[in-house]
Amino acid sequence: MNTFMRLFLLLIIGVFYLACSSNNGPSDNVSVIVTDEEGKALPIYGLQLIDVNDSWLDTPYKSILGGEDKPASLLLQNEEPVILRIVAPSYHPKFTFLIPGFDKIDFEVSLKSSEMPEEPSPRALGNFNNFDPRSGVEMTRDSDGVWKALIETDLDTVRYFVTMSPLIAAPGTNGRIVVNDDAGGISAAFLSEIVRKENESTVEIEFDATQYNFGSVESALKFVSENPADITGVAQVYTLMTDEFIRQLFASITHQLRGEEGRYEHDYASFLSQLEKLEESFNHSKVSIAAELTRFRFHREIGLSKDDAISLLDNIEADSPLWMIHYPVLTDVVNLAGLIDYTDLLKSVAEKSSFESLRGEALYNLVRYHYQEGNEEEWHSNFFELVSNYPEHFRTGFAYQNYAPEQPIAEGKTLPYNEFNLLEGEGTINLHEIQESYLLVDFWATWCGPCIDAMPKLHELHEHYKDSDFAIVSISVDEDLERVHSFRNEWEMPWHLGHQKQSSQKIREMGIVGVPHYILLGPDRTVLSNDQAKLRGEDFSEVLDSYLNNN
């Protein structure tokens, strides 16, 4: 055989091998099509993945786009549960939860559309204002009914969406639609993106409401492929749970927007009836456990008994992935069933579970138990294991605040940290280097309503005591520093300003789990008061005057 024939045969064998490898290789096992009210696929939609160790309201770690004749599909490893977020421009998202054990899952989904206000007043939020709703750009309507705004900016690319109320958001209708990588929960999942023309200082943005379907589509999630009952049933229970949370949230916001009196009271009767029907239709132990976990997600509102808690704990394994439907339920359930009777289960969860959020939750409860029982060795051991191995767990701050062997903030003692990042510019702000003897340290955030409501009072304090031996130090705990700068453009804060992310080690170790949080410090920077009722109350000036007058 000559050289040419050998090369030709090798080429044929290579092509055949590649073809076989392609056909036998792994293929996508999850596929989603999102349709309109007529059953047609939407022009663009997305399938997003959220880590079960996070909340379903957190930011997805992966996004797959689909549209018209191309479903959103991907290959899942099918070894751990995962939260799916299904999104489309101008529609409310839908969530579901897949446990391992499926071969292939095909969804057909319709998403709930928003209802357009009778008198809409669109405002644009974008990277030109750090997506801050307080400084949204008002849009004006032209003769064709299209809303427009001119944005002055030096940004090369403008990314924005349009909001008509806290419940309605959609991309603009000029520019390219892209995924909003920073959006989680019910936030706008898509943005419009426009490249600014060279040598121009403005970008025109538009919103044509007729290009979106407002107010006529209800949501539904349908399994097209055949799957085991436990996988399908658990997924539908999770979807029902998250739908109900969103429904309650939107109804509560609507109640406030309408100025209706009293606190909003949500009716869970329909939700509980649907949950019961799902249990009956699937008749599977995992679906029943998922349904019971879901009930405990709302247990404060619907009321559940100690027997309900005991029944759940007796039927769910310590290493069950179903806990991740809503892992904070572990604390609620053992509280109701009796913490003292379930320490063995908590130890088993802390040791066996493959989910770090659940292990942290179990450890937190063991810390609580041993603290309450006075078991000092176990209390200290579990506490240091929690704060060392799970420093970012949301319970860790509570553990520092309530169960630390030494309270991080205590009267007569100095703070664990006295140095924080400067809000403006490089460097840090050191509390010991501030010349005033008495300091009110104010931990706050732009997303905190009570913090914003307290701003006028802080201004009054500053004006009243600006010539005395007293100063205010406001430490923002926002994760997004740009959002704080945007807020500062609207609110003057003529006192000392710092910034430390809420997720940072400093804030967690100080036990700052809620804002606003005030601390009054004396000349030697020891804590004079950490009493929030006293520091937030009308009598604070009297408290401060008592120190200033005796100094």
Protein backbone atom coordinates (compact mmCIF):
# COMPACT_ATOMS: atom_id res chain seq x y z
CA MET A 1 0.00 0.00 0.00
CA ASN A 2 1.50 3.33 -1.04
CA THR A 3 1.81 6.38 1.22
CA PHE A 4 -1.17 8.16 -0.37
CA MET A 5 -3.54 5.24 0.35
CA ARG A 6 -2.32 4.97 3.95
CA LEU A 7 -3.04 8.68 4.52
CA PHE A 8 -6.44 8.36 2.87
CA LEU A 9 -7.44 5.40 5.08
CA LEU A 10 -6.23 7.22 8.21
CA LEU A 11 -8.36 10.21 7.22
CA ILE A 12 -11.46 8.04 6.76
CA ILE A 13 -10.89 6.31 10.13
CA GLY A 14 -10.41 9.71 11.82
CA VAL A 15 -13.63 11.12 10.39
CA PHE A 16 -15.53 7.97 11.42
CA TYR A 17 -14.10 8.19 14.97
CA LEU A 18 -15.08 11.84 15.34
CA ALA A 19 -18.59 11.12 14.10
CA CYS A 20 -19.01 8.28 16.58
CA SER A 21 -17.57 10.37 19.40
CA SER A 22 -19.99 13.18 18.61
CA ASN A 23 -22.99 10.88 18.53
CA ASN A 24 -22.08 9.03 21.69
CA GLY A 25 -20.98 12.06 23.73
CA PRO A 26 -23.03 13.65 26.47
CA SER A 27 -26.03 15.68 25.31
CA ASP A 28 -28.17 18.29 27.02
CA ASN A 29 -30.54 16.79 29.59
CA VAL A 30 -32.56 19.88 30.62
CA SER A 31 -34.48 21.91 28.08
CA VAL A 32 -36.94 24.81 28.46
CA ILE A 33 -39.25 26.55 26.00
CA VAL A 34 -41.07 29.70 27.17
CA THR A 35 -44.26 30.48 25.28
CA ASP A 36 -46.81 33.28 24.99
CA GLU A 37 -50.58 32.94 25.48
CA GLU A 38 -50.91 31.39 21.98
CA GLY A 39 -48.28 28.75 22.65
CA LYS A 40 -45.60 30.41 20.49
CA ALA A 41 -42.05 30.54 21.78
CA LEU A 42 -41.00 34.00 22.93
CA PRO A 43 -38.27 35.77 20.91
CA ILE A 44 -35.84 35.63 23.83
CA TYR A 45 -35.85 33.96 27.25
CA GLY A 46 -33.41 32.41 29.67
CA LEU A 47 -32.76 29.39 31.86
CA GLN A 48 -30.58 30.25 34.87
CA LEU A 49 -28.95 28.10 37.56
CA ILE A 50 -28.77 29.03 41.24
CA ASP A 51 -26.66 27.17 43.80
CA VAL A 52 -28.88 25.47 46.40
CA ASN A 53 -26.48 26.68 49.10
CA ASP A 54 -27.72 30.15 48.22
CA SER A 55 -31.25 31.51 48.44
CA TRP A 56 -33.46 31.26 45.36
CA LEU A 57 -33.46 35.07 45.54
CA ASP A 58 -29.69 35.18 44.97
CA THR A 59 -27.83 35.82 41.72
CA PRO A 60 -27.63 32.85 39.29
CA TYR A 61 -24.20 31.45 38.50
CA LYS A 62 -25.04 30.45 34.92
CA SER A 63 -27.45 31.64 32.21
CA ILE A 64 -28.52 29.87 29.00
CA LEU A 65 -30.50 31.79 26.40
CA GLY A 66 -33.24 30.47 24.16
CA GLY A 67 -35.75 31.94 21.77
CA GLU A 68 -38.27 31.07 19.04
CA ASP A 69 -37.00 27.84 17.43
CA LYS A 70 -34.11 27.33 19.88
CA PRO A 71 -34.90 26.10 23.42
CA ALA A 72 -32.70 27.04 26.36
CA SER A 73 -30.92 23.78 27.15
CA LEU A 74 -27.89 22.51 28.99
CA LEU A 75 -26.24 19.43 30.43
CA LEU A 76 -26.61 19.10 34.23
CA GLN A 77 -24.32 16.76 36.13
CA ASN A 78 -27.37 15.36 37.92
CA GLU A 79 -25.45 14.70 41.14
CA GLU A 80 -26.76 17.49 43.37
CA PRO A 81 -30.06 19.41 43.45
CA VAL A 82 -30.19 22.73 41.64
CA ILE A 83 -32.54 25.73 41.53
CA LEU A 84 -33.73 26.81 38.08
CA ARG A 85 -34.82 30.39 37.36
CA ILE A 86 -36.77 30.82 34.13
CA VAL A 87 -36.95 34.39 32.82
CA ALA A 88 -38.06 36.53 29.89
CA PRO A 89 -38.13 40.32 29.27
CA SER A 90 -41.06 42.07 31.04
CA TYR A 91 -42.34 38.82 32.62
CA HIS A 92 -42.12 37.71 36.24
CA PRO A 93 -39.60 34.87 36.74
CA LYS A 94 -40.52 31.33 37.63
CA PHE A 95 -38.48 29.00 39.82
CA THR A 96 -38.22 25.26 40.23
CA PHE A 97 -35.99 22.74 41.99
CA LEU A 98 -34.51 19.56 40.50
CA ILE A 99 -33.27 16.68 42.60
CA PRO A 100 -30.86 14.10 41.13
CA GLY A 101 -32.12 10.98 39.40
CA PHE A 102 -33.61 12.11 36.08
CA ASP A 103 -32.53 11.14 32.54
CA LYS A 104 -33.92 14.08 30.59
CA ILE A 105 -36.32 16.88 31.48
CA ASP A 106 -38.18 19.04 28.98
CA PHE A 107 -40.23 21.98 30.29
CA GLU A 108 -42.80 24.13 28.58
CA VAL A 109 -43.32 27.33 30.55
CA SER A 110 -45.51 30.40 30.40
CA LEU A 111 -44.57 33.31 32.64
CA LYS A 112 -46.89 35.77 34.35
CA SER A 113 -46.94 39.19 32.73
CA SER A 114 -47.30 42.47 34.60
CA GLU A 115 -50.33 44.70 34.50
CA MET A 116 -49.59 48.12 33.05
CA PRO A 117 -50.65 51.01 35.33
CA GLU A 118 -53.52 53.15 34.05
CA GLU A 119 -51.24 56.19 34.07
CA PRO A 120 -47.71 54.86 33.57
CA SER A 121 -44.73 57.07 34.29
CA PRO A 122 -41.68 55.10 33.14
CA ARG A 123 -38.27 55.79 34.65
CA ALA A 124 -34.99 54.47 33.32
CA LEU A 125 -32.44 52.82 35.59
CA GLY A 126 -29.03 51.96 34.26
CA ASN A 127 -25.29 51.93 34.69
CA PHE A 128 -25.44 55.71 34.24
CA ASN A 129 -27.07 56.01 37.71
CA ASN A 130 -25.84 52.72 39.25
CA PHE A 131 -29.37 51.30 38.80
CA ASP A 132 -30.48 53.38 41.79
CA PRO A 133 -34.31 53.66 41.83
CA ARG A 134 -34.11 56.95 43.72
CA SER A 135 -32.42 58.64 40.79
CA GLY A 136 -34.27 57.01 37.91
CA VAL A 137 -34.47 59.15 34.78
CA GLU A 138 -38.01 60.24 33.91
CA MET A 139 -39.11 59.49 30.36
CA THR A 140 -41.45 61.58 28.20
CA ARG A 141 -43.98 60.25 25.71
CA ASP A 142 -43.86 61.35 22.06
CA SER A 143 -46.77 61.62 19.62
CA ASP A 144 -46.37 57.97 18.61
CA GLY A 145 -46.77 56.79 22.20
CA VAL A 146 -43.10 55.88 22.61
CA TRP A 147 -41.40 56.92 25.85
CA LYS A 148 -37.97 58.50 25.44
CA ALA A 149 -35.15 60.01 27.48
CA LEU A 150 -31.79 61.52 26.65
CA ILE A 151 -28.95 60.29 28.87
CA GLU A 152 -25.86 62.43 29.28
CA THR A 153 -22.95 60.10 29.89
CA ASP A 154 -19.30 59.39 29.14
CA LEU A 155 -19.88 55.62 29.29
CA ASP A 156 -18.95 53.74 26.12
CA THR A 157 -21.90 51.38 26.57
CA VAL A 158 -25.20 52.22 28.27
CA ARG A 159 -27.09 49.34 29.89
CA TYR A 160 -30.58 50.03 31.23
CA PHE A 161 -34.11 48.86 31.91
CA VAL A 162 -37.37 50.73 32.40
CA THR A 163 -39.54 50.53 35.49
CA MET A 164 -43.12 51.72 35.88
CA SER A 165 -43.60 50.65 39.50
CA PRO A 166 -41.76 48.43 42.02
CA LEU A 167 -43.53 45.51 40.33
CA ILE A 168 -42.92 46.22 36.64
CA ALA A 169 -39.58 46.30 34.82
CA ALA A 170 -38.63 45.63 31.21
CA PRO A 171 -35.69 46.32 28.89
CA GLY A 172 -35.89 49.38 26.70
CA THR A 173 -36.94 48.88 23.11
CA ASN A 174 -33.89 50.28 21.37
CA GLY A 175 -30.50 48.67 21.51
CA ARG A 176 -29.59 45.03 22.05
CA ILE A 177 -31.27 42.93 24.78
CA VAL A 178 -28.74 41.23 27.07
CA VAL A 179 -28.86 39.21 30.29
CA ASN A 180 -28.58 41.19 33.52
CA ASP A 181 -25.84 39.14 35.19
CA ASP A 182 -26.33 40.88 38.55
CA ALA A 183 -30.08 40.23 38.82
CA GLY A 184 -31.54 37.67 41.19
CA GLY A 185 -34.94 37.00 42.69
CA ILE A 186 -37.63 39.06 41.00
CA SER A 187 -35.23 41.71 39.65
CA ALA A 188 -35.16 42.53 35.94
CA ALA A 189 -33.38 39.63 34.24
CA PHE A 190 -32.73 41.47 30.97
CA LEU A 191 -31.33 44.88 30.00
CA SER A 192 -31.04 46.94 26.86
CA GLU A 193 -27.50 47.73 25.74
CA ILE A 194 -26.59 50.69 23.53
CA VAL A 195 -23.10 51.66 22.36
CA ARG A 196 -22.58 55.43 22.54
CA LYS A 197 -21.57 56.97 19.25
CA GLU A 198 -18.08 58.39 19.09
CA ASN A 199 -17.83 62.12 19.81
CA GLU A 200 -21.38 62.24 21.20
CA SER A 201 -22.07 62.92 24.88
CA THR A 202 -25.66 61.63 24.97
CA VAL A 203 -27.54 58.40 24.31
CA GLU A 204 -31.25 58.31 23.54
CA ILE A 205 -33.18 55.47 25.14
CA GLU A 206 -36.70 54.36 24.24
CA PHE A 207 -39.55 52.30 25.62
CA ASP A 208 -42.48 51.21 23.46
CA ALA A 209 -44.93 49.35 25.73
CA THR A 210 -46.76 47.86 22.72
CA GLN A 211 -43.74 45.61 22.09
CA TYR A 212 -44.41 43.76 25.34
CA ASN A 213 -47.33 41.67 26.52
CA PHE A 214 -48.66 43.31 29.68
CA GLY A 215 -51.47 41.90 31.78
CA SER A 216 -52.80 38.92 29.84
CA VAL A 217 -50.63 35.90 30.59
CA GLU A 218 -50.78 33.65 33.68
CA SER A 219 -47.86 31.43 34.58
CA ALA A 220 -47.60 27.65 34.23
CA LEU A 221 -44.82 25.08 34.24
CA LYS A 222 -45.44 21.83 32.40
CA PHE A 223 -43.23 18.75 32.18
CA VAL A 224 -43.24 17.59 28.56
CA SER A 225 -41.01 14.56 29.14
CA GLU A 226 -41.87 11.57 31.35
CA ASN A 227 -39.97 11.59 34.64
CA PRO A 228 -40.06 9.81 38.01
CA ALA A 229 -42.88 10.99 40.27
CA ASP A 230 -40.54 12.24 43.00
CA ILE A 231 -38.59 14.50 40.63
CA THR A 232 -41.68 15.95 38.97
CA GLY A 233 -43.59 16.28 42.23
CA VAL A 234 -40.79 17.94 44.20
CA ALA A 235 -40.21 20.40 41.34
CA GLN A 236 -43.89 21.36 41.24
CA VAL A 237 -44.05 21.78 45.03
CA TYR A 238 -41.05 24.12 44.89
CA THR A 239 -42.59 26.14 42.07
CA LEU A 240 -45.81 26.46 44.04
CA MET A 241 -43.85 27.65 47.10
CA THR A 242 -41.89 30.34 45.26
CA ASP A 243 -44.98 31.45 43.30
CA GLU A 244 -46.82 31.94 46.59
CA PHE A 245 -43.96 33.94 48.08
CA ILE A 246 -43.92 36.25 45.02
CA ARG A 247 -47.72 36.54 45.06
CA GLN A 248 -47.69 37.52 48.74
CA LEU A 249 -44.85 40.00 48.17
CA PHE A 250 -46.56 41.69 45.23
CA ALA A 251 -49.90 41.87 47.05
CA SER A 252 -48.20 43.46 50.07
CA ILE A 253 -46.43 46.06 47.90
CA THR A 254 -49.69 46.82 46.06
CA HIS A 255 -51.42 47.25 49.42
CA GLN A 256 -48.82 49.87 50.40
CA LEU A 257 -48.87 51.64 47.03
CA ARG A 258 -52.63 52.06 47.24
CA GLY A 259 -52.29 53.58 50.70
CA GLU A 260 -54.65 51.02 52.21
CA GLU A 261 -54.90 51.09 55.98
CA GLY A 262 -53.55 48.43 58.30
CA ARG A 263 -51.13 45.62 57.70
CA TYR A 264 -51.66 43.41 54.67
CA GLU A 265 -53.05 39.97 55.62
CA HIS A 266 -52.43 37.29 53.01
CA ASP A 267 -54.89 34.43 52.45
CA TYR A 268 -53.01 31.14 52.11
CA ALA A 269 -56.11 28.94 51.67
CA SER A 270 -55.75 28.44 47.91
CA PHE A 271 -52.02 27.73 48.22
CA LEU A 272 -52.56 25.11 50.95
CA SER A 273 -55.32 23.47 48.90
CA GLN A 274 -53.07 23.23 45.83
CA LEU A 275 -50.24 21.84 47.94
CA GLU A 276 -52.52 19.13 49.33
CA LYS A 277 -53.69 18.21 45.82
CA LEU A 278 -50.09 17.83 44.67
CA GLU A 279 -49.38 15.46 47.54
CA GLU A 280 -52.43 13.38 46.72
CA SER A 281 -51.77 13.24 42.99
CA PHE A 282 -48.14 12.07 43.30
CA ASN A 283 -48.56 9.93 46.43
CA HIS A 284 -44.79 9.76 46.98
CA SER A 285 -42.90 10.08 50.27
CA LYS A 286 -40.39 12.62 48.89
CA VAL A 287 -43.18 14.80 47.54
CA SER A 288 -44.93 14.68 50.93
CA ILE A 289 -41.70 15.69 52.70
CA ALA A 290 -41.19 18.52 50.20
CA ALA A 291 -44.76 19.68 50.82
CA GLU A 292 -44.24 19.65 54.59
CA LEU A 293 -40.99 21.61 54.28
CA THR A 294 -42.90 24.10 52.15
CA ARG A 295 -45.59 24.47 54.79
CA PHE A 296 -42.89 25.20 57.35
CA ARG A 297 -41.57 27.91 55.03
CA PHE A 298 -44.81 29.75 55.87
CA HIS A 299 -45.39 28.28 59.33
CA ARG A 300 -45.52 31.65 61.10
CA GLU A 301 -48.38 32.71 58.83
CA ILE A 302 -50.37 29.47 58.62
CA GLY A 303 -49.64 28.00 62.08
CA LEU A 304 -48.22 24.49 62.53
CA SER A 305 -48.03 22.31 65.62
CA LYS A 306 -45.29 20.54 67.53
CA ASP A 307 -46.66 17.25 66.21
CA ASP A 308 -46.22 18.53 62.63
CA ALA A 309 -42.58 19.33 63.39
CA ILE A 310 -41.93 15.95 65.03
CA SER A 311 -43.54 14.15 62.10
CA LEU A 312 -41.29 15.94 59.61
CA LEU A 313 -38.12 15.28 61.61
CA ASP A 314 -39.02 11.61 61.95
CA ASN A 315 -39.42 11.22 58.18
CA ILE A 316 -36.52 13.16 56.67
CA GLU A 317 -32.94 11.88 56.59
CA ALA A 318 -30.10 14.00 57.92
CA ASP A 319 -28.37 14.01 54.52
CA SER A 320 -31.54 14.44 52.44
CA PRO A 321 -31.20 16.94 49.54
CA LEU A 322 -34.81 17.95 50.22
CA TRP A 323 -33.61 20.13 53.11
CA MET A 324 -32.26 22.48 50.46
CA ILE A 325 -35.78 23.40 49.40
CA HIS A 326 -35.46 25.92 52.24
CA TYR A 327 -32.67 24.94 54.63
CA PRO A 328 -33.39 27.66 57.30
CA VAL A 329 -36.53 25.62 58.05
CA LEU A 330 -34.26 23.31 60.08
CA THR A 331 -34.10 25.95 62.83
CA ASP A 332 -37.87 26.54 62.79
CA VAL A 333 -38.65 22.83 62.93
CA VAL A 334 -36.30 21.94 65.82
CA ASN A 335 -37.52 25.00 67.73
CA LEU A 336 -41.10 23.80 67.46
CA ALA A 337 -40.33 20.12 68.05
CA GLY A 338 -38.00 20.82 70.99
CA LEU A 339 -34.32 21.58 70.47
CA ILE A 340 -33.23 19.39 73.36
CA ASP A 341 -34.70 16.26 71.75
CA TYR A 342 -32.99 16.63 68.37
CA THR A 343 -29.34 17.33 69.12
CA ASP A 344 -28.37 13.91 67.68
CA LEU A 345 -30.10 14.80 64.42
CA LEU A 346 -28.32 18.16 64.36
CA LYS A 347 -24.95 16.47 64.94
CA SER A 348 -25.74 14.04 62.12
CA VAL A 349 -26.67 16.87 59.74
CA ALA A 350 -23.51 18.81 60.66
CA GLU A 351 -21.38 15.74 59.97
CA LYS A 352 -23.13 14.01 57.06
CA SER A 353 -24.74 16.64 54.88
CA SER A 354 -22.94 17.49 51.66
CA PHE A 355 -24.45 21.00 51.71
CA GLU A 356 -22.38 23.62 53.51
CA SER A 357 -25.35 25.92 54.18
CA LEU A 358 -27.23 23.11 55.91
CA ARG A 359 -24.16 22.06 57.93
CA GLY A 360 -23.79 25.67 59.08
CA GLU A 361 -27.48 25.79 60.02
CA ALA A 362 -27.12 22.63 62.13
CA LEU A 363 -23.99 23.95 63.85
CA TYR A 364 -25.75 27.21 64.69
CA ASN A 365 -28.47 25.25 66.46
CA LEU A 366 -25.92 23.18 68.35
CA VAL A 367 -24.29 26.44 69.50
CA ARG A 368 -27.70 27.63 70.73
CA TYR A 369 -28.40 24.37 72.53
CA HIS A 370 -25.08 24.12 74.38
CA TYR A 371 -25.21 27.83 75.27
CA GLN A 372 -28.68 27.41 76.77
CA GLU A 373 -27.66 24.25 78.63
CA GLY A 374 -24.44 25.78 79.96
CA ASN A 375 -22.25 23.14 78.28
CA GLU A 376 -19.29 25.48 77.99
CA GLU A 377 -16.83 23.15 76.24
CA GLU A 378 -19.30 22.05 73.54
CA TRP A 379 -20.67 25.60 73.20
CA HIS A 380 -17.22 27.08 72.60
CA SER A 381 -16.18 24.23 70.29
CA ASN A 382 -19.29 24.46 68.10
CA PHE A 383 -19.14 28.27 68.06
CA PHE A 384 -15.55 28.38 66.81
CA GLU A 385 -16.27 25.63 64.26
CA LEU A 386 -19.22 27.68 62.94
CA VAL A 387 -17.38 31.00 62.67
CA SER A 388 -14.20 29.39 61.31
CA ASN A 389 -15.70 27.06 58.70
CA TYR A 390 -18.84 29.02 57.75
CA PRO A 391 -17.89 32.69 58.11
CA GLU A 392 -20.30 33.77 55.34
CA HIS A 393 -23.33 31.87 56.64
CA PHE A 394 -26.12 34.30 57.47
CA ARG A 395 -26.47 32.74 60.96
CA THR A 396 -22.85 33.51 61.84
CA GLY A 397 -23.60 37.15 62.59
CA PHE A 398 -26.43 36.08 64.90
CA ALA A 399 -24.05 33.67 66.64
CA TYR A 400 -21.55 36.48 67.28
CA GLN A 401 -24.32 38.76 68.50
CA ASN A 402 -26.03 36.30 70.84
CA TYR A 403 -23.76 33.33 71.62
CA ALA A 404 -20.13 34.46 71.39
CA PRO A 405 -18.06 33.40 74.44
CA GLU A 406 -17.31 37.11 74.74
CA GLN A 407 -19.87 39.52 73.31
CA PRO A 408 -18.23 41.48 70.47
CA ILE A 409 -20.00 44.70 71.46
CA ALA A 410 -20.36 45.20 75.19
CA GLU A 411 -20.56 48.25 77.41
CA GLY A 412 -17.22 49.11 78.98
CA LYS A 413 -15.23 47.30 76.29
CA THR A 414 -13.64 48.46 73.05
CA LEU A 415 -15.00 47.34 69.68
CA PRO A 416 -13.43 44.31 67.97
CA TYR A 417 -12.51 46.66 65.10
CA ASN A 418 -11.94 50.40 65.12
CA GLU A 419 -10.79 50.84 61.52
CA PHE A 420 -13.03 50.78 58.44
CA ASN A 421 -12.67 51.61 54.75
CA LEU A 422 -13.17 55.23 53.80
CA LEU A 423 -16.29 55.82 51.76
CA GLU A 424 -14.55 58.39 49.56
CA GLY A 425 -11.07 57.71 48.23
CA GLU A 426 -8.37 55.34 49.38
CA GLY A 427 -7.42 54.48 52.95
CA THR A 428 -9.31 53.88 56.18
CA ILE A 429 -11.11 55.76 58.91
CA ASN A 430 -9.78 55.02 62.39
CA LEU A 431 -12.14 55.78 65.27
CA HIS A 432 -9.21 56.45 67.61
CA GLU A 433 -7.95 59.20 65.31
CA ILE A 434 -11.18 61.23 65.32
CA GLN A 435 -10.66 64.22 67.57
CA GLU A 436 -14.14 64.42 69.12
CA SER A 437 -14.47 62.57 72.41
CA TYR A 438 -17.92 61.10 71.89
CA LEU A 439 -18.93 59.22 68.74
CA LEU A 440 -22.23 57.85 67.52
CA VAL A 441 -21.28 55.03 65.13
CA ASP A 442 -24.13 54.44 62.68
CA PHE A 443 -24.14 51.22 60.62
CA TRP A 444 -26.57 51.70 57.74
CA ALA A 445 -27.38 50.75 54.11
CA THR A 446 -29.03 52.39 51.13
CA TRP A 447 -31.54 49.50 50.85
CA CYS A 448 -32.65 49.94 54.49
CA GLY A 449 -35.88 51.95 54.79
CA PRO A 450 -35.49 52.74 58.52
CA CYS A 451 -31.92 53.93 57.82
CA ILE A 452 -33.18 56.41 55.23
CA ASP A 453 -36.01 57.48 57.52
CA ALA A 454 -33.42 58.20 60.23
CA MET A 455 -31.37 60.56 58.04
CA PRO A 456 -33.29 63.71 59.08
CA LYS A 457 -32.69 62.87 62.75
CA LEU A 458 -28.96 62.39 62.11
CA HIS A 459 -28.90 65.77 60.40
CA GLU A 460 -30.60 67.34 63.44
CA LEU A 461 -28.04 65.75 65.77
CA HIS A 462 -25.17 66.91 63.58
CA GLU A 463 -26.44 70.50 63.44
CA HIS A 464 -27.23 70.63 67.16
CA TYR A 465 -23.89 69.20 68.34
CA LYS A 466 -21.48 70.22 65.55
CA ASP A 467 -19.71 72.71 67.82
CA SER A 468 -19.49 70.28 70.74
CA ASP A 469 -17.24 67.33 71.55
CA PHE A 470 -19.41 64.92 69.56
CA ALA A 471 -19.35 63.47 66.03
CA ILE A 472 -21.31 61.01 63.91
CA VAL A 473 -19.56 58.21 62.00
CA SER A 474 -21.77 56.47 59.43
CA ILE A 475 -20.49 53.12 58.15
CA SER A 476 -22.37 51.83 55.09
CA VAL A 477 -22.66 48.03 54.90
CA ASP A 478 -23.84 48.02 51.27
CA GLU A 479 -22.28 45.36 49.06
CA ASP A 480 -22.33 47.76 46.09
CA LEU A 481 -20.17 50.81 46.80
CA GLU A 482 -21.41 52.63 43.69
CA ARG A 483 -24.95 52.51 45.04
CA VAL A 484 -23.74 54.41 48.13
CA HIS A 485 -22.02 57.04 45.99
CA SER A 486 -25.25 57.50 44.03
CA PHE A 487 -27.17 57.94 47.28
CA ARG A 488 -24.63 60.50 48.46
CA ASN A 489 -25.29 62.58 45.34
CA GLU A 490 -28.82 63.15 46.65
CA TRP A 491 -28.28 63.15 50.42
CA GLU A 492 -25.77 65.40 52.09
CA MET A 493 -24.00 63.62 54.97
CA PRO A 494 -21.56 66.20 56.39
CA TRP A 495 -19.92 63.92 58.93
CA HIS A 496 -17.42 61.03 58.98
CA LEU A 497 -18.20 58.34 56.42
CA GLY A 498 -16.92 54.78 56.02
CA HIS A 499 -17.82 51.59 54.21
CA GLN A 500 -17.57 47.90 55.09
CA LYS A 501 -19.53 45.23 53.23
CA GLN A 502 -22.12 43.38 55.28
CA SER A 503 -20.59 40.10 54.12
CA SER A 504 -17.15 41.13 55.40
CA GLN A 505 -15.46 39.42 58.31
CA LYS A 506 -15.43 42.64 60.34
CA ILE A 507 -19.18 43.18 60.22
CA ARG A 508 -19.96 39.53 60.92
CA GLU A 509 -17.56 39.33 63.86
CA MET A 510 -19.08 42.48 65.32
CA GLY A 511 -22.49 40.80 65.25
CA ILE A 512 -24.08 43.54 63.12
CA VAL A 513 -26.95 41.53 61.64
CA GLY A 514 -29.48 44.30 61.16
CA VAL A 515 -29.38 48.00 60.31
CA PRO A 516 -29.60 50.68 61.40
CA HIS A 517 -27.37 49.76 64.31
CA TYR A 518 -26.02 52.50 66.58
CA ILE A 519 -23.14 52.40 69.09
CA LEU A 520 -22.18 55.27 71.41
CA LEU A 521 -18.44 55.42 72.15
CA GLY A 522 -16.61 57.43 74.79
CA PRO A 523 -13.26 59.29 74.82
CA ASP A 524 -11.25 56.07 75.22
CA ARG A 525 -13.42 54.43 72.54
CA THR A 526 -15.04 52.01 74.94
CA VAL A 527 -18.73 51.33 74.39
CA LEU A 528 -20.97 53.58 76.45
CA SER A 529 -24.19 52.15 75.04
CA ASN A 530 -25.27 49.48 72.56
CA ASP A 531 -28.91 49.76 73.65
CA GLN A 532 -30.76 50.19 70.35
CA ALA A 533 -34.01 51.32 71.98
CA LYS A 534 -32.16 54.06 73.86
CA LEU A 535 -29.97 55.14 70.94
CA ARG A 536 -32.84 55.22 68.43
CA GLY A 537 -35.31 56.83 70.83
CA GLU A 538 -36.34 60.41 71.41
CA ASP A 539 -34.31 60.51 74.64
CA PHE A 540 -30.93 60.05 72.91
CA SER A 541 -30.07 63.75 73.27
CA GLU A 542 -30.57 63.50 77.03
CA VAL A 543 -28.26 60.47 77.14
CA LEU A 544 -25.59 62.30 75.14
CA ASP A 545 -25.97 65.54 77.14
CA SER A 546 -25.39 63.63 80.36
CA TYR A 547 -21.94 62.63 79.09
CA LEU A 548 -21.05 65.95 77.47
CA ASN A 549 -22.05 67.95 80.56
CA ASN A 550 -20.00 65.77 82.87
CA ASN A 551 -16.93 65.79 80.68
